[in-house]
Amino acid sequence: MTQPHPGIALIDTQLKHLSAIYKEAEQSLNTALGTDRVRKWKTQLESLLAQAVGPEEAKLFAAKKPGPSFTQDLLEELSDEVELYRSHLAAVLARLKKSG
């Protein structure tokens, strides 16, 4: 029986961390702190992805940047940024699970 790819557990854990960061920001309405925490999380995850999944995947993740926002709703902007990272990681997770 083959062992699951080590990146699977990493990404599962990091998706939970990302959700927790957003939930805390949403509940406290402290979007500045939430945005700062998401940026720190992303920076840390880039190096973890390089180790667990590979440098190319880390580069693709690092290149993900939220687009311009015109809503003036900081919580919505944070939500959009979180969703950008969440959807990318979910796609990577699906590929890793499919490849074994």
PDB file of N, CA and C in Angstrom:
ATOM      1  N   MET A   1       0.843  -1.180   0.000  1.00  0.00           N
ATOM      2  CA  MET A   1       0.000   0.000   0.000  1.00  0.00           C
ATOM      3  C   MET A   1       0.890   1.246   0.000  1.00  0.00           C
ATOM      4  N   THR A   2       0.583   2.207  -0.861  1.00  0.00           N
ATOM      5  CA  THR A   2       1.411   3.403  -0.960  1.00  0.00           C
ATOM      6  C   THR A   2       1.015   4.431   0.094  1.00  0.00           C
ATOM      7  N   GLN A   3       2.017   5.153   0.516  1.00  0.00           N
ATOM      8  CA  GLN A   3       1.790   6.220   1.485  1.00  0.00           C
ATOM      9  C   GLN A   3       1.213   7.438   0.748  1.00  0.00           C
ATOM     10  N   PRO A   4       0.299   8.161   1.398  1.00  0.00           N
ATOM     11  CA  PRO A   4      -0.209   9.371   0.755  1.00  0.00           C
ATOM     12  C   PRO A   4       0.896  10.417   0.633  1.00  0.00           C
ATOM     13  N   HIS A   5       0.778  11.248  -0.344  1.00  0.00           N
ATOM     14  CA  HIS A   5       1.752  12.321  -0.577  1.00  0.00           C
ATOM     15  C   HIS A   5       1.812  13.205   0.670  1.00  0.00           C
ATOM     16  N   PRO A   6       3.018  13.570   1.124  1.00  0.00           N
ATOM     17  CA  PRO A   6       3.129  14.393   2.340  1.00  0.00           C
ATOM     18  C   PRO A   6       2.475  15.767   2.204  1.00  0.00           C
ATOM     19  N   GLY A   7       2.331  16.223   0.990  1.00  0.00           N
ATOM     20  CA  GLY A   7       1.694  17.520   0.768  1.00  0.00           C
ATOM     21  C   GLY A   7       0.220  17.518   1.107  1.00  0.00           C
ATOM     22  N   ILE A   8      -0.418  16.350   1.075  1.00  0.00           N
ATOM     23  CA  ILE A   8      -1.855  16.262   1.352  1.00  0.00           C
ATOM     24  C   ILE A   8      -2.151  16.698   2.784  1.00  0.00           C
ATOM     25  N   ALA A   9      -1.427  16.148   3.737  1.00  0.00           N
ATOM     26  CA  ALA A   9      -1.645  16.514   5.148  1.00  0.00           C
ATOM     27  C   ALA A   9      -1.306  17.985   5.375  1.00  0.00           C
ATOM     28  N   LEU A  10      -0.241  18.454   4.760  1.00  0.00           N
ATOM     29  CA  LEU A  10       0.155  19.849   4.901  1.00  0.00           C
ATOM     30  C   LEU A  10      -0.961  20.769   4.413  1.00  0.00           C
ATOM     31  N   ILE A  11      -1.463  20.519   3.222  1.00  0.00           N
ATOM     32  CA  ILE A  11      -2.481  21.396   2.653  1.00  0.00           C
ATOM     33  C   ILE A  11      -3.779  21.317   3.447  1.00  0.00           C
ATOM     34  N   ASP A  12      -4.161  20.117   3.875  1.00  0.00           N
ATOM     35  CA  ASP A  12      -5.353  19.990   4.728  1.00  0.00           C
ATOM     36  C   ASP A  12      -5.225  20.874   5.969  1.00  0.00           C
ATOM     37  N   THR A  13      -4.096  20.783   6.633  1.00  0.00           N
ATOM     38  CA  THR A  13      -3.851  21.563   7.847  1.00  0.00           C
ATOM     39  C   THR A  13      -3.856  23.061   7.552  1.00  0.00           C
ATOM     40  N   GLN A  14      -3.211  23.448   6.478  1.00  0.00           N
ATOM     41  CA  GLN A  14      -3.109  24.865   6.148  1.00  0.00           C
ATOM     42  C   GLN A  14      -4.453  25.463   5.729  1.00  0.00           C
ATOM     43  N   LEU A  15      -5.292  24.667   5.091  1.00  0.00           N
ATOM     44  CA  LEU A  15      -6.638  25.154   4.764  1.00  0.00           C
ATOM     45  C   LEU A  15      -7.425  25.425   6.046  1.00  0.00           C
ATOM     46  N   LYS A  16      -7.248  24.585   7.051  1.00  0.00           N
ATOM     47  CA  LYS A  16      -7.906  24.811   8.343  1.00  0.00           C
ATOM     48  C   LYS A  16      -7.369  26.070   9.012  1.00  0.00           C
ATOM     49  N   HIS A  17      -6.068  26.280   8.939  1.00  0.00           N
ATOM     50  CA  HIS A  17      -5.470  27.495   9.508  1.00  0.00           C
ATOM     51  C   HIS A  17      -6.024  28.741   8.821  1.00  0.00           C
ATOM     52  N   LEU A  18      -6.107  28.691   7.501  1.00  0.00           N
ATOM     53  CA  LEU A  18      -6.615  29.827   6.738  1.00  0.00           C
ATOM     54  C   LEU A  18      -8.058  30.139   7.123  1.00  0.00           C
ATOM     55  N   SER A  19      -8.875  29.102   7.248  1.00  0.00           N
ATOM     56  CA  SER A  19     -10.265  29.302   7.658  1.00  0.00           C
ATOM     57  C   SER A  19     -10.353  29.909   9.053  1.00  0.00           C
ATOM     58  N   ALA A  20      -9.489  29.470   9.944  1.00  0.00           N
ATOM     59  CA  ALA A  20      -9.483  30.001  11.314  1.00  0.00           C
ATOM     60  C   ALA A  20      -9.076  31.473  11.333  1.00  0.00           C
ATOM     61  N   ILE A  21      -8.121  31.838  10.521  1.00  0.00           N
ATOM     62  CA  ILE A  21      -7.693  33.236  10.447  1.00  0.00           C
ATOM     63  C   ILE A  21      -8.859  34.100   9.976  1.00  0.00           C
ATOM     64  N   TYR A  22      -9.531  33.654   8.923  1.00  0.00           N
ATOM     65  CA  TYR A  22     -10.659  34.435   8.404  1.00  0.00           C
ATOM     66  C   TYR A  22     -11.794  34.512   9.416  1.00  0.00           C
ATOM     67  N   LYS A  23     -12.112  33.397  10.041  1.00  0.00           N
ATOM     68  CA  LYS A  23     -13.210  33.370  11.003  1.00  0.00           C
ATOM     69  C   LYS A  23     -12.950  34.335  12.157  1.00  0.00           C
ATOM     70  N   GLU A  24     -11.712  34.349  12.645  1.00  0.00           N
ATOM     71  CA  GLU A  24     -11.362  35.260  13.737  1.00  0.00           C
ATOM     72  C   GLU A  24     -11.507  36.716  13.300  1.00  0.00           C
ATOM     73  N   ALA A  25     -11.029  37.023  12.088  1.00  0.00           N
ATOM     74  CA  ALA A  25     -11.143  38.395  11.579  1.00  0.00           C
ATOM     75  C   ALA A  25     -12.611  38.783  11.397  1.00  0.00           C
ATOM     76  N   GLU A  26     -13.401  37.844  10.920  1.00  0.00           N
ATOM     77  CA  GLU A  26     -14.825  38.103  10.700  1.00  0.00           C
ATOM     78  C   GLU A  26     -15.541  38.369  12.031  1.00  0.00           C
ATOM     79  N   GLN A  27     -15.226  37.585  13.040  1.00  0.00           N
ATOM     80  CA  GLN A  27     -15.881  37.735  14.334  1.00  0.00           C
ATOM     81  C   GLN A  27     -15.432  39.003  15.056  1.00  0.00           C
ATOM     82  N   SER A  28     -14.159  39.334  14.954  1.00  0.00           N
ATOM     83  CA  SER A  28     -13.637  40.506  15.660  1.00  0.00           C
ATOM     84  C   SER A  28     -13.794  41.787  14.845  1.00  0.00           C
ATOM     85  N   LEU A  29     -14.077  41.628  13.561  1.00  0.00           N
ATOM     86  CA  LEU A  29     -14.132  42.751  12.610  1.00  0.00           C
ATOM     87  C   LEU A  29     -12.801  43.495  12.523  1.00  0.00           C
ATOM     88  N   ASN A  30     -11.724  42.802  12.856  1.00  0.00           N
ATOM     89  CA  ASN A  30     -10.385  43.378  12.775  1.00  0.00           C
ATOM     90  C   ASN A  30      -9.731  42.895  11.479  1.00  0.00           C
ATOM     91  N   THR A  31     -10.101  43.551  10.386  1.00  0.00           N
ATOM     92  CA  THR A  31      -9.602  43.113   9.084  1.00  0.00           C
ATOM     93  C   THR A  31      -8.120  43.429   8.901  1.00  0.00           C
ATOM     94  N   ALA A  32      -7.627  44.471   9.563  1.00  0.00           N
ATOM     95  CA  ALA A  32      -6.199  44.794   9.438  1.00  0.00           C
ATOM     96  C   ALA A  32      -5.360  43.651  10.004  1.00  0.00           C
ATOM     97  N   LEU A  33      -5.729  43.174  11.190  1.00  0.00           N
ATOM     98  CA  LEU A  33      -5.014  42.052  11.782  1.00  0.00           C
ATOM     99  C   LEU A  33      -5.198  40.792  10.935  1.00  0.00           C
ATOM    100  N   GLY A  34      -6.415  40.561  10.448  1.00  0.00           N
ATOM    101  CA  GLY A  34      -6.682  39.391   9.608  1.00  0.00           C
ATOM    102  C   GLY A  34      -5.844  39.405   8.343  1.00  0.00           C
ATOM    103  N   THR A  35      -5.768  40.568   7.701  1.00  0.00           N
ATOM    104  CA  THR A  35      -4.974  40.696   6.477  1.00  0.00           C
ATOM    105  C   THR A  35      -3.499  40.448   6.765  1.00  0.00           C
ATOM    106  N   ASP A  36      -3.011  40.990   7.863  1.00  0.00           N
ATOM    107  CA  ASP A  36      -1.620  40.780   8.254  1.00  0.00           C
ATOM    108  C   ASP A  36      -1.349  39.297   8.517  1.00  0.00           C
ATOM    109  N   ARG A  37      -2.261  38.640   9.215  1.00  0.00           N
ATOM    110  CA  ARG A  37      -2.092  37.218   9.522  1.00  0.00           C
ATOM    111  C   ARG A  37      -2.136  36.369   8.246  1.00  0.00           C
ATOM    112  N   VAL A  38      -3.006  36.717   7.309  1.00  0.00           N
ATOM    113  CA  VAL A  38      -3.071  35.973   6.043  1.00  0.00           C
ATOM    114  C   VAL A  38      -1.763  36.138   5.281  1.00  0.00           C
ATOM    115  N   ARG A  39      -1.200  37.321   5.261  1.00  0.00           N
ATOM    116  CA  ARG A  39       0.063  37.536   4.544  1.00  0.00           C
ATOM    117  C   ARG A  39       1.209  36.757   5.180  1.00  0.00           C
ATOM    118  N   LYS A  40       1.261  36.740   6.514  1.00  0.00           N
ATOM    119  CA  LYS A  40       2.297  35.961   7.204  1.00  0.00           C
ATOM    120  C   LYS A  40       2.104  34.470   6.949  1.00  0.00           C
ATOM    121  N   TRP A  41       0.856  34.022   6.994  1.00  0.00           N
ATOM    122  CA  TRP A  41       0.531  32.621   6.721  1.00  0.00           C
ATOM    123  C   TRP A  41       0.984  32.239   5.314  1.00  0.00           C
ATOM    124  N   LYS A  42       0.694  33.101   4.353  1.00  0.00           N
ATOM    125  CA  LYS A  42       1.057  32.818   2.964  1.00  0.00           C
ATOM    126  C   LYS A  42       2.569  32.703   2.807  1.00  0.00           C
ATOM    127  N   THR A  43       3.305  33.608   3.423  1.00  0.00           N
ATOM    128  CA  THR A  43       4.770  33.580   3.339  1.00  0.00           C
ATOM    129  C   THR A  43       5.323  32.283   3.925  1.00  0.00           C
ATOM    130  N   GLN A  44       4.810  31.886   5.069  1.00  0.00           N
ATOM    131  CA  GLN A  44       5.261  30.642   5.693  1.00  0.00           C
ATOM    132  C   GLN A  44       4.898  29.435   4.828  1.00  0.00           C
ATOM    133  N   LEU A  45       3.697  29.463   4.276  1.00  0.00           N
ATOM    134  CA  LEU A  45       3.249  28.328   3.473  1.00  0.00           C
ATOM    135  C   LEU A  45       4.074  28.169   2.202  1.00  0.00           C
ATOM    136  N   GLU A  46       4.545  29.260   1.650  1.00  0.00           N
ATOM    137  CA  GLU A  46       5.360  29.168   0.439  1.00  0.00           C
ATOM    138  C   GLU A  46       6.569  28.263   0.665  1.00  0.00           C
ATOM    139  N   SER A  47       7.260  28.435   1.784  1.00  0.00           N
ATOM    140  CA  SER A  47       8.439  27.589   2.036  1.00  0.00           C
ATOM    141  C   SER A  47       8.026  26.163   2.379  1.00  0.00           C
ATOM    142  N   LEU A  48       6.918  26.005   3.097  1.00  0.00           N
ATOM    143  CA  LEU A  48       6.436  24.651   3.405  1.00  0.00           C
ATOM    144  C   LEU A  48       6.033  23.903   2.137  1.00  0.00           C
ATOM    145  N   LEU A  49       5.378  24.605   1.218  1.00  0.00           N
ATOM    146  CA  LEU A  49       5.001  23.971  -0.056  1.00  0.00           C
ATOM    147  C   LEU A  49       6.237  23.566  -0.849  1.00  0.00           C
ATOM    148  N   ALA A  50       7.250  24.414  -0.845  1.00  0.00           N
ATOM    149  CA  ALA A  50       8.474  24.092  -1.578  1.00  0.00           C
ATOM    150  C   ALA A  50       9.070  22.791  -1.065  1.00  0.00           C
ATOM    151  N   GLN A  51       9.033  22.593   0.240  1.00  0.00           N
ATOM    152  CA  GLN A  51       9.589  21.383   0.830  1.00  0.00           C
ATOM    153  C   GLN A  51       8.704  20.164   0.595  1.00  0.00           C
ATOM    154  N   ALA A  52       7.392  20.329   0.750  1.00  0.00           N
ATOM    155  CA  ALA A  52       6.487  19.169   0.709  1.00  0.00           C
ATOM    156  C   ALA A  52       5.978  18.824  -0.687  1.00  0.00           C
ATOM    157  N   VAL A  53       5.824  19.828  -1.526  1.00  0.00           N
ATOM    158  CA  VAL A  53       5.225  19.582  -2.847  1.00  0.00           C
ATOM    159  C   VAL A  53       6.203  19.885  -3.973  1.00  0.00           C
ATOM    160  N   GLY A  54       7.076  20.858  -3.760  1.00  0.00           N
ATOM    161  CA  GLY A  54       8.082  21.182  -4.768  1.00  0.00           C
ATOM    162  C   GLY A  54       8.150  22.679  -5.019  1.00  0.00           C
ATOM    163  N   PRO A  55       9.315  23.140  -5.482  1.00  0.00           N
ATOM    164  CA  PRO A  55       9.512  24.576  -5.686  1.00  0.00           C
ATOM    165  C   PRO A  55       8.603  25.195  -6.748  1.00  0.00           C
ATOM    166  N   GLU A  56       8.266  24.433  -7.761  1.00  0.00           N
ATOM    167  CA  GLU A  56       7.395  24.982  -8.808  1.00  0.00           C
ATOM    168  C   GLU A  56       6.007  25.290  -8.252  1.00  0.00           C
ATOM    169  N   GLU A  57       5.494  24.380  -7.454  1.00  0.00           N
ATOM    170  CA  GLU A  57       4.173  24.608  -6.853  1.00  0.00           C
ATOM    171  C   GLU A  57       4.225  25.794  -5.904  1.00  0.00           C
ATOM    172  N   ALA A  58       5.319  25.931  -5.166  1.00  0.00           N
ATOM    173  CA  ALA A  58       5.482  27.069  -4.262  1.00  0.00           C
ATOM    174  C   ALA A  58       5.504  28.383  -5.040  1.00  0.00           C
ATOM    175  N   LYS A  59       6.166  28.385  -6.193  1.00  0.00           N
ATOM    176  CA  LYS A  59       6.208  29.588  -7.028  1.00  0.00           C
ATOM    177  C   LYS A  59       4.823  29.945  -7.548  1.00  0.00           C
ATOM    178  N   LEU A  60       4.065  28.943  -7.967  1.00  0.00           N
ATOM    179  CA  LEU A  60       2.703  29.204  -8.447  1.00  0.00           C
ATOM    180  C   LEU A  60       1.844  29.802  -7.337  1.00  0.00           C
ATOM    181  N   PHE A  61       1.981  29.257  -6.138  1.00  0.00           N
ATOM    182  CA  PHE A  61       1.213  29.774  -5.009  1.00  0.00           C
ATOM    183  C   PHE A  61       1.653  31.202  -4.670  1.00  0.00           C
ATOM    184  N   ALA A  62       2.951  31.442  -4.665  1.00  0.00           N
ATOM    185  CA  ALA A  62       3.479  32.772  -4.340  1.00  0.00           C
ATOM    186  C   ALA A  62       2.988  33.822  -5.335  1.00  0.00           C
ATOM    187  N   ALA A  63       2.775  33.409  -6.573  1.00  0.00           N
ATOM    188  CA  ALA A  63       2.337  34.345  -7.614  1.00  0.00           C
ATOM    189  C   ALA A  63       0.861  34.731  -7.472  1.00  0.00           C
ATOM    190  N   LYS A  64       0.111  34.011  -6.669  1.00  0.00           N
ATOM    191  CA  LYS A  64      -1.303  34.328  -6.478  1.00  0.00           C
ATOM    192  C   LYS A  64      -1.436  35.649  -5.735  1.00  0.00           C
ATOM    193  N   LYS A  65      -2.088  36.595  -6.353  1.00  0.00           N
ATOM    194  CA  LYS A  65      -2.313  37.911  -5.751  1.00  0.00           C
ATOM    195  C   LYS A  65      -3.768  38.301  -5.991  1.00  0.00           C
ATOM    196  N   PRO A  66      -4.408  38.847  -4.969  1.00  0.00           N
ATOM    197  CA  PRO A  66      -5.784  39.289  -5.181  1.00  0.00           C
ATOM    198  C   PRO A  66      -5.822  40.466  -6.152  1.00  0.00           C
ATOM    199  N   GLY A  67      -6.869  40.507  -6.930  1.00  0.00           N
ATOM    200  CA  GLY A  67      -7.032  41.601  -7.881  1.00  0.00           C
ATOM    201  C   GLY A  67      -7.503  42.867  -7.189  1.00  0.00           C
ATOM    202  N   PRO A  68      -7.664  43.923  -7.950  1.00  0.00           N
ATOM    203  CA  PRO A  68      -8.127  45.177  -7.355  1.00  0.00           C
ATOM    204  C   PRO A  68      -9.562  45.040  -6.838  1.00  0.00           C
ATOM    205  N   SER A  69      -9.834  45.805  -5.812  1.00  0.00           N
ATOM    206  CA  SER A  69     -11.167  45.782  -5.221  1.00  0.00           C
ATOM    207  C   SER A  69     -11.715  47.195  -5.203  1.00  0.00           C
ATOM    208  N   PHE A  70     -12.990  47.297  -5.478  1.00  0.00           N
ATOM    209  CA  PHE A  70     -13.615  48.608  -5.534  1.00  0.00           C
ATOM    210  C   PHE A  70     -14.786  48.713  -4.566  1.00  0.00           C
ATOM    211  N   THR A  71     -14.870  47.782  -3.619  1.00  0.00           N
ATOM    212  CA  THR A  71     -16.054  47.719  -2.758  1.00  0.00           C
ATOM    213  C   THR A  71     -15.968  48.600  -1.519  1.00  0.00           C
ATOM    214  N   GLN A  72     -14.763  48.935  -1.084  1.00  0.00           N
ATOM    215  CA  GLN A  72     -14.576  49.652   0.173  1.00  0.00           C
ATOM    216  C   GLN A  72     -15.028  48.829   1.379  1.00  0.00           C
ATOM    217  N   ASP A  73     -15.232  47.545   1.180  1.00  0.00           N
ATOM    218  CA  ASP A  73     -15.612  46.634   2.264  1.00  0.00           C
ATOM    219  C   ASP A  73     -14.394  45.766   2.561  1.00  0.00           C
ATOM    220  N   LEU A  74     -13.694  46.092   3.634  1.00  0.00           N
ATOM    221  CA  LEU A  74     -12.435  45.407   3.933  1.00  0.00           C
ATOM    222  C   LEU A  74     -12.625  43.928   4.238  1.00  0.00           C
ATOM    223  N   LEU A  75     -13.739  43.566   4.851  1.00  0.00           N
ATOM    224  CA  LEU A  75     -13.997  42.161   5.132  1.00  0.00           C
ATOM    225  C   LEU A  75     -14.227  41.381   3.839  1.00  0.00           C
ATOM    226  N   GLU A  76     -14.910  41.994   2.908  1.00  0.00           N
ATOM    227  CA  GLU A  76     -15.118  41.334   1.608  1.00  0.00           C
ATOM    228  C   GLU A  76     -13.799  41.171   0.864  1.00  0.00           C
ATOM    229  N   GLU A  77     -12.939  42.179   0.953  1.00  0.00           N
ATOM    230  CA  GLU A  77     -11.629  42.077   0.315  1.00  0.00           C
ATOM    231  C   GLU A  77     -10.815  40.939   0.925  1.00  0.00           C
ATOM    232  N   LEU A  78     -10.862  40.825   2.253  1.00  0.00           N
ATOM    233  CA  LEU A  78     -10.160  39.737   2.926  1.00  0.00           C
ATOM    234  C   LEU A  78     -10.749  38.390   2.515  1.00  0.00           C
ATOM    235  N   SER A  79     -12.060  38.331   2.438  1.00  0.00           N
ATOM    236  CA  SER A  79     -12.738  37.102   2.020  1.00  0.00           C
ATOM    237  C   SER A  79     -12.315  36.700   0.607  1.00  0.00           C
ATOM    238  N   ASP A  80     -12.225  37.669  -0.286  1.00  0.00           N
ATOM    239  CA  ASP A  80     -11.795  37.384  -1.663  1.00  0.00           C
ATOM    240  C   ASP A  80     -10.365  36.851  -1.701  1.00  0.00           C
ATOM    241  N   GLU A  81      -9.500  37.444  -0.882  1.00  0.00           N
ATOM    242  CA  GLU A  81      -8.103  36.984  -0.839  1.00  0.00           C
ATOM    243  C   GLU A  81      -8.019  35.562  -0.289  1.00  0.00           C
ATOM    244  N   VAL A  82      -8.748  35.305   0.786  1.00  0.00           N
ATOM    245  CA  VAL A  82      -8.768  33.966   1.381  1.00  0.00           C
ATOM    246  C   VAL A  82      -9.296  32.954   0.370  1.00  0.00           C
ATOM    247  N   GLU A  83     -10.351  33.298  -0.338  1.00  0.00           N
ATOM    248  CA  GLU A  83     -10.934  32.376  -1.317  1.00  0.00           C
ATOM    249  C   GLU A  83      -9.972  32.103  -2.472  1.00  0.00           C
ATOM    250  N   LEU A  84      -9.199  33.096  -2.871  1.00  0.00           N
ATOM    251  CA  LEU A  84      -8.199  32.910  -3.923  1.00  0.00           C
ATOM    252  C   LEU A  84      -7.192  31.834  -3.514  1.00  0.00           C
ATOM    253  N   TYR A  85      -6.690  31.932  -2.287  1.00  0.00           N
ATOM    254  CA  TYR A  85      -5.716  30.961  -1.801  1.00  0.00           C
ATOM    255  C   TYR A  85      -6.370  29.602  -1.555  1.00  0.00           C
ATOM    256  N   ARG A  86      -7.570  29.623  -1.020  1.00  0.00           N
ATOM    257  CA  ARG A  86      -8.285  28.375  -0.717  1.00  0.00           C
ATOM    258  C   ARG A  86      -8.553  27.591  -2.004  1.00  0.00           C
ATOM    259  N   SER A  87      -9.013  28.263  -3.037  1.00  0.00           N
ATOM    260  CA  SER A  87      -9.330  27.552  -4.280  1.00  0.00           C
ATOM    261  C   SER A  87      -8.071  27.004  -4.939  1.00  0.00           C
ATOM    262  N   HIS A  88      -6.977  27.748  -4.878  1.00  0.00           N
ATOM    263  CA  HIS A  88      -5.721  27.254  -5.450  1.00  0.00           C
ATOM    264  C   HIS A  88      -5.241  26.015  -4.700  1.00  0.00           C
ATOM    265  N   LEU A  89      -5.258  26.091  -3.364  1.00  0.00           N
ATOM    266  CA  LEU A  89      -4.800  24.945  -2.569  1.00  0.00           C
ATOM    267  C   LEU A  89      -5.715  23.743  -2.737  1.00  0.00           C
ATOM    268  N   ALA A  90      -7.006  23.973  -2.896  1.00  0.00           N
ATOM    269  CA  ALA A  90      -7.946  22.867  -3.115  1.00  0.00           C
ATOM    270  C   ALA A  90      -7.634  22.160  -4.440  1.00  0.00           C
ATOM    271  N   ALA A  91      -7.259  22.926  -5.455  1.00  0.00           N
ATOM    272  CA  ALA A  91      -6.898  22.326  -6.741  1.00  0.00           C
ATOM    273  C   ALA A  91      -5.612  21.513  -6.613  1.00  0.00           C
ATOM    274  N   VAL A  92      -4.640  22.027  -5.890  1.00  0.00           N
ATOM    275  CA  VAL A  92      -3.379  21.304  -5.669  1.00  0.00           C
ATOM    276  C   VAL A  92      -3.678  20.016  -4.890  1.00  0.00           C
ATOM    277  N   LEU A  93      -4.494  20.128  -3.881  1.00  0.00           N
ATOM    278  CA  LEU A  93      -4.873  18.966  -3.060  1.00  0.00           C
ATOM    279  C   LEU A  93      -5.536  17.893  -3.922  1.00  0.00           C
ATOM    280  N   ALA A  94      -6.444  18.298  -4.788  1.00  0.00           N
ATOM    281  CA  ALA A  94      -7.131  17.333  -5.655  1.00  0.00           C
ATOM    282  C   ALA A  94      -6.126  16.636  -6.571  1.00  0.00           C
ATOM    283  N   ARG A  95      -5.160  17.378  -7.120  1.00  0.00           N
ATOM    284  CA  ARG A  95      -4.134  16.769  -7.977  1.00  0.00           C
ATOM    285  C   ARG A  95      -3.292  15.779  -7.204  1.00  0.00           C
ATOM    286  N   LEU A  96      -2.901  16.140  -5.977  1.00  0.00           N
ATOM    287  CA  LEU A  96      -2.071  15.238  -5.172  1.00  0.00           C
ATOM    288  C   LEU A  96      -2.825  13.965  -4.828  1.00  0.00           C
ATOM    289  N   LYS A  97      -4.094  14.092  -4.479  1.00  0.00           N
ATOM    290  CA  LYS A  97      -4.892  12.913  -4.149  1.00  0.00           C
ATOM    291  C   LYS A  97      -5.081  12.022  -5.367  1.00  0.00           C
ATOM    292  N   LYS A  98      -5.261  12.643  -6.516  1.00  0.00           N
ATOM    293  CA  LYS A  98      -5.465  11.870  -7.744  1.00  0.00           C
ATOM    294  C   LYS A  98      -4.192  11.128  -8.158  1.00  0.00           C
ATOM    295  N   SER A  99      -3.043  11.767  -7.961  1.00  0.00           N
ATOM    296  CA  SER A  99      -1.785  11.160  -8.384  1.00  0.00           C
ATOM    297  C   SER A  99      -1.287  10.110  -7.392  1.00  0.00           C
ATOM    298  N   GLY A 100      -1.934  10.055  -6.246  1.00  0.00           N
ATOM    299  CA  GLY A 100      -1.593   9.006  -5.290  1.00  0.00           C
ATOM    300  C   GLY A 100      -0.800   9.531  -4.175  1.00  0.00           C
TER     301      GLY A 100
END
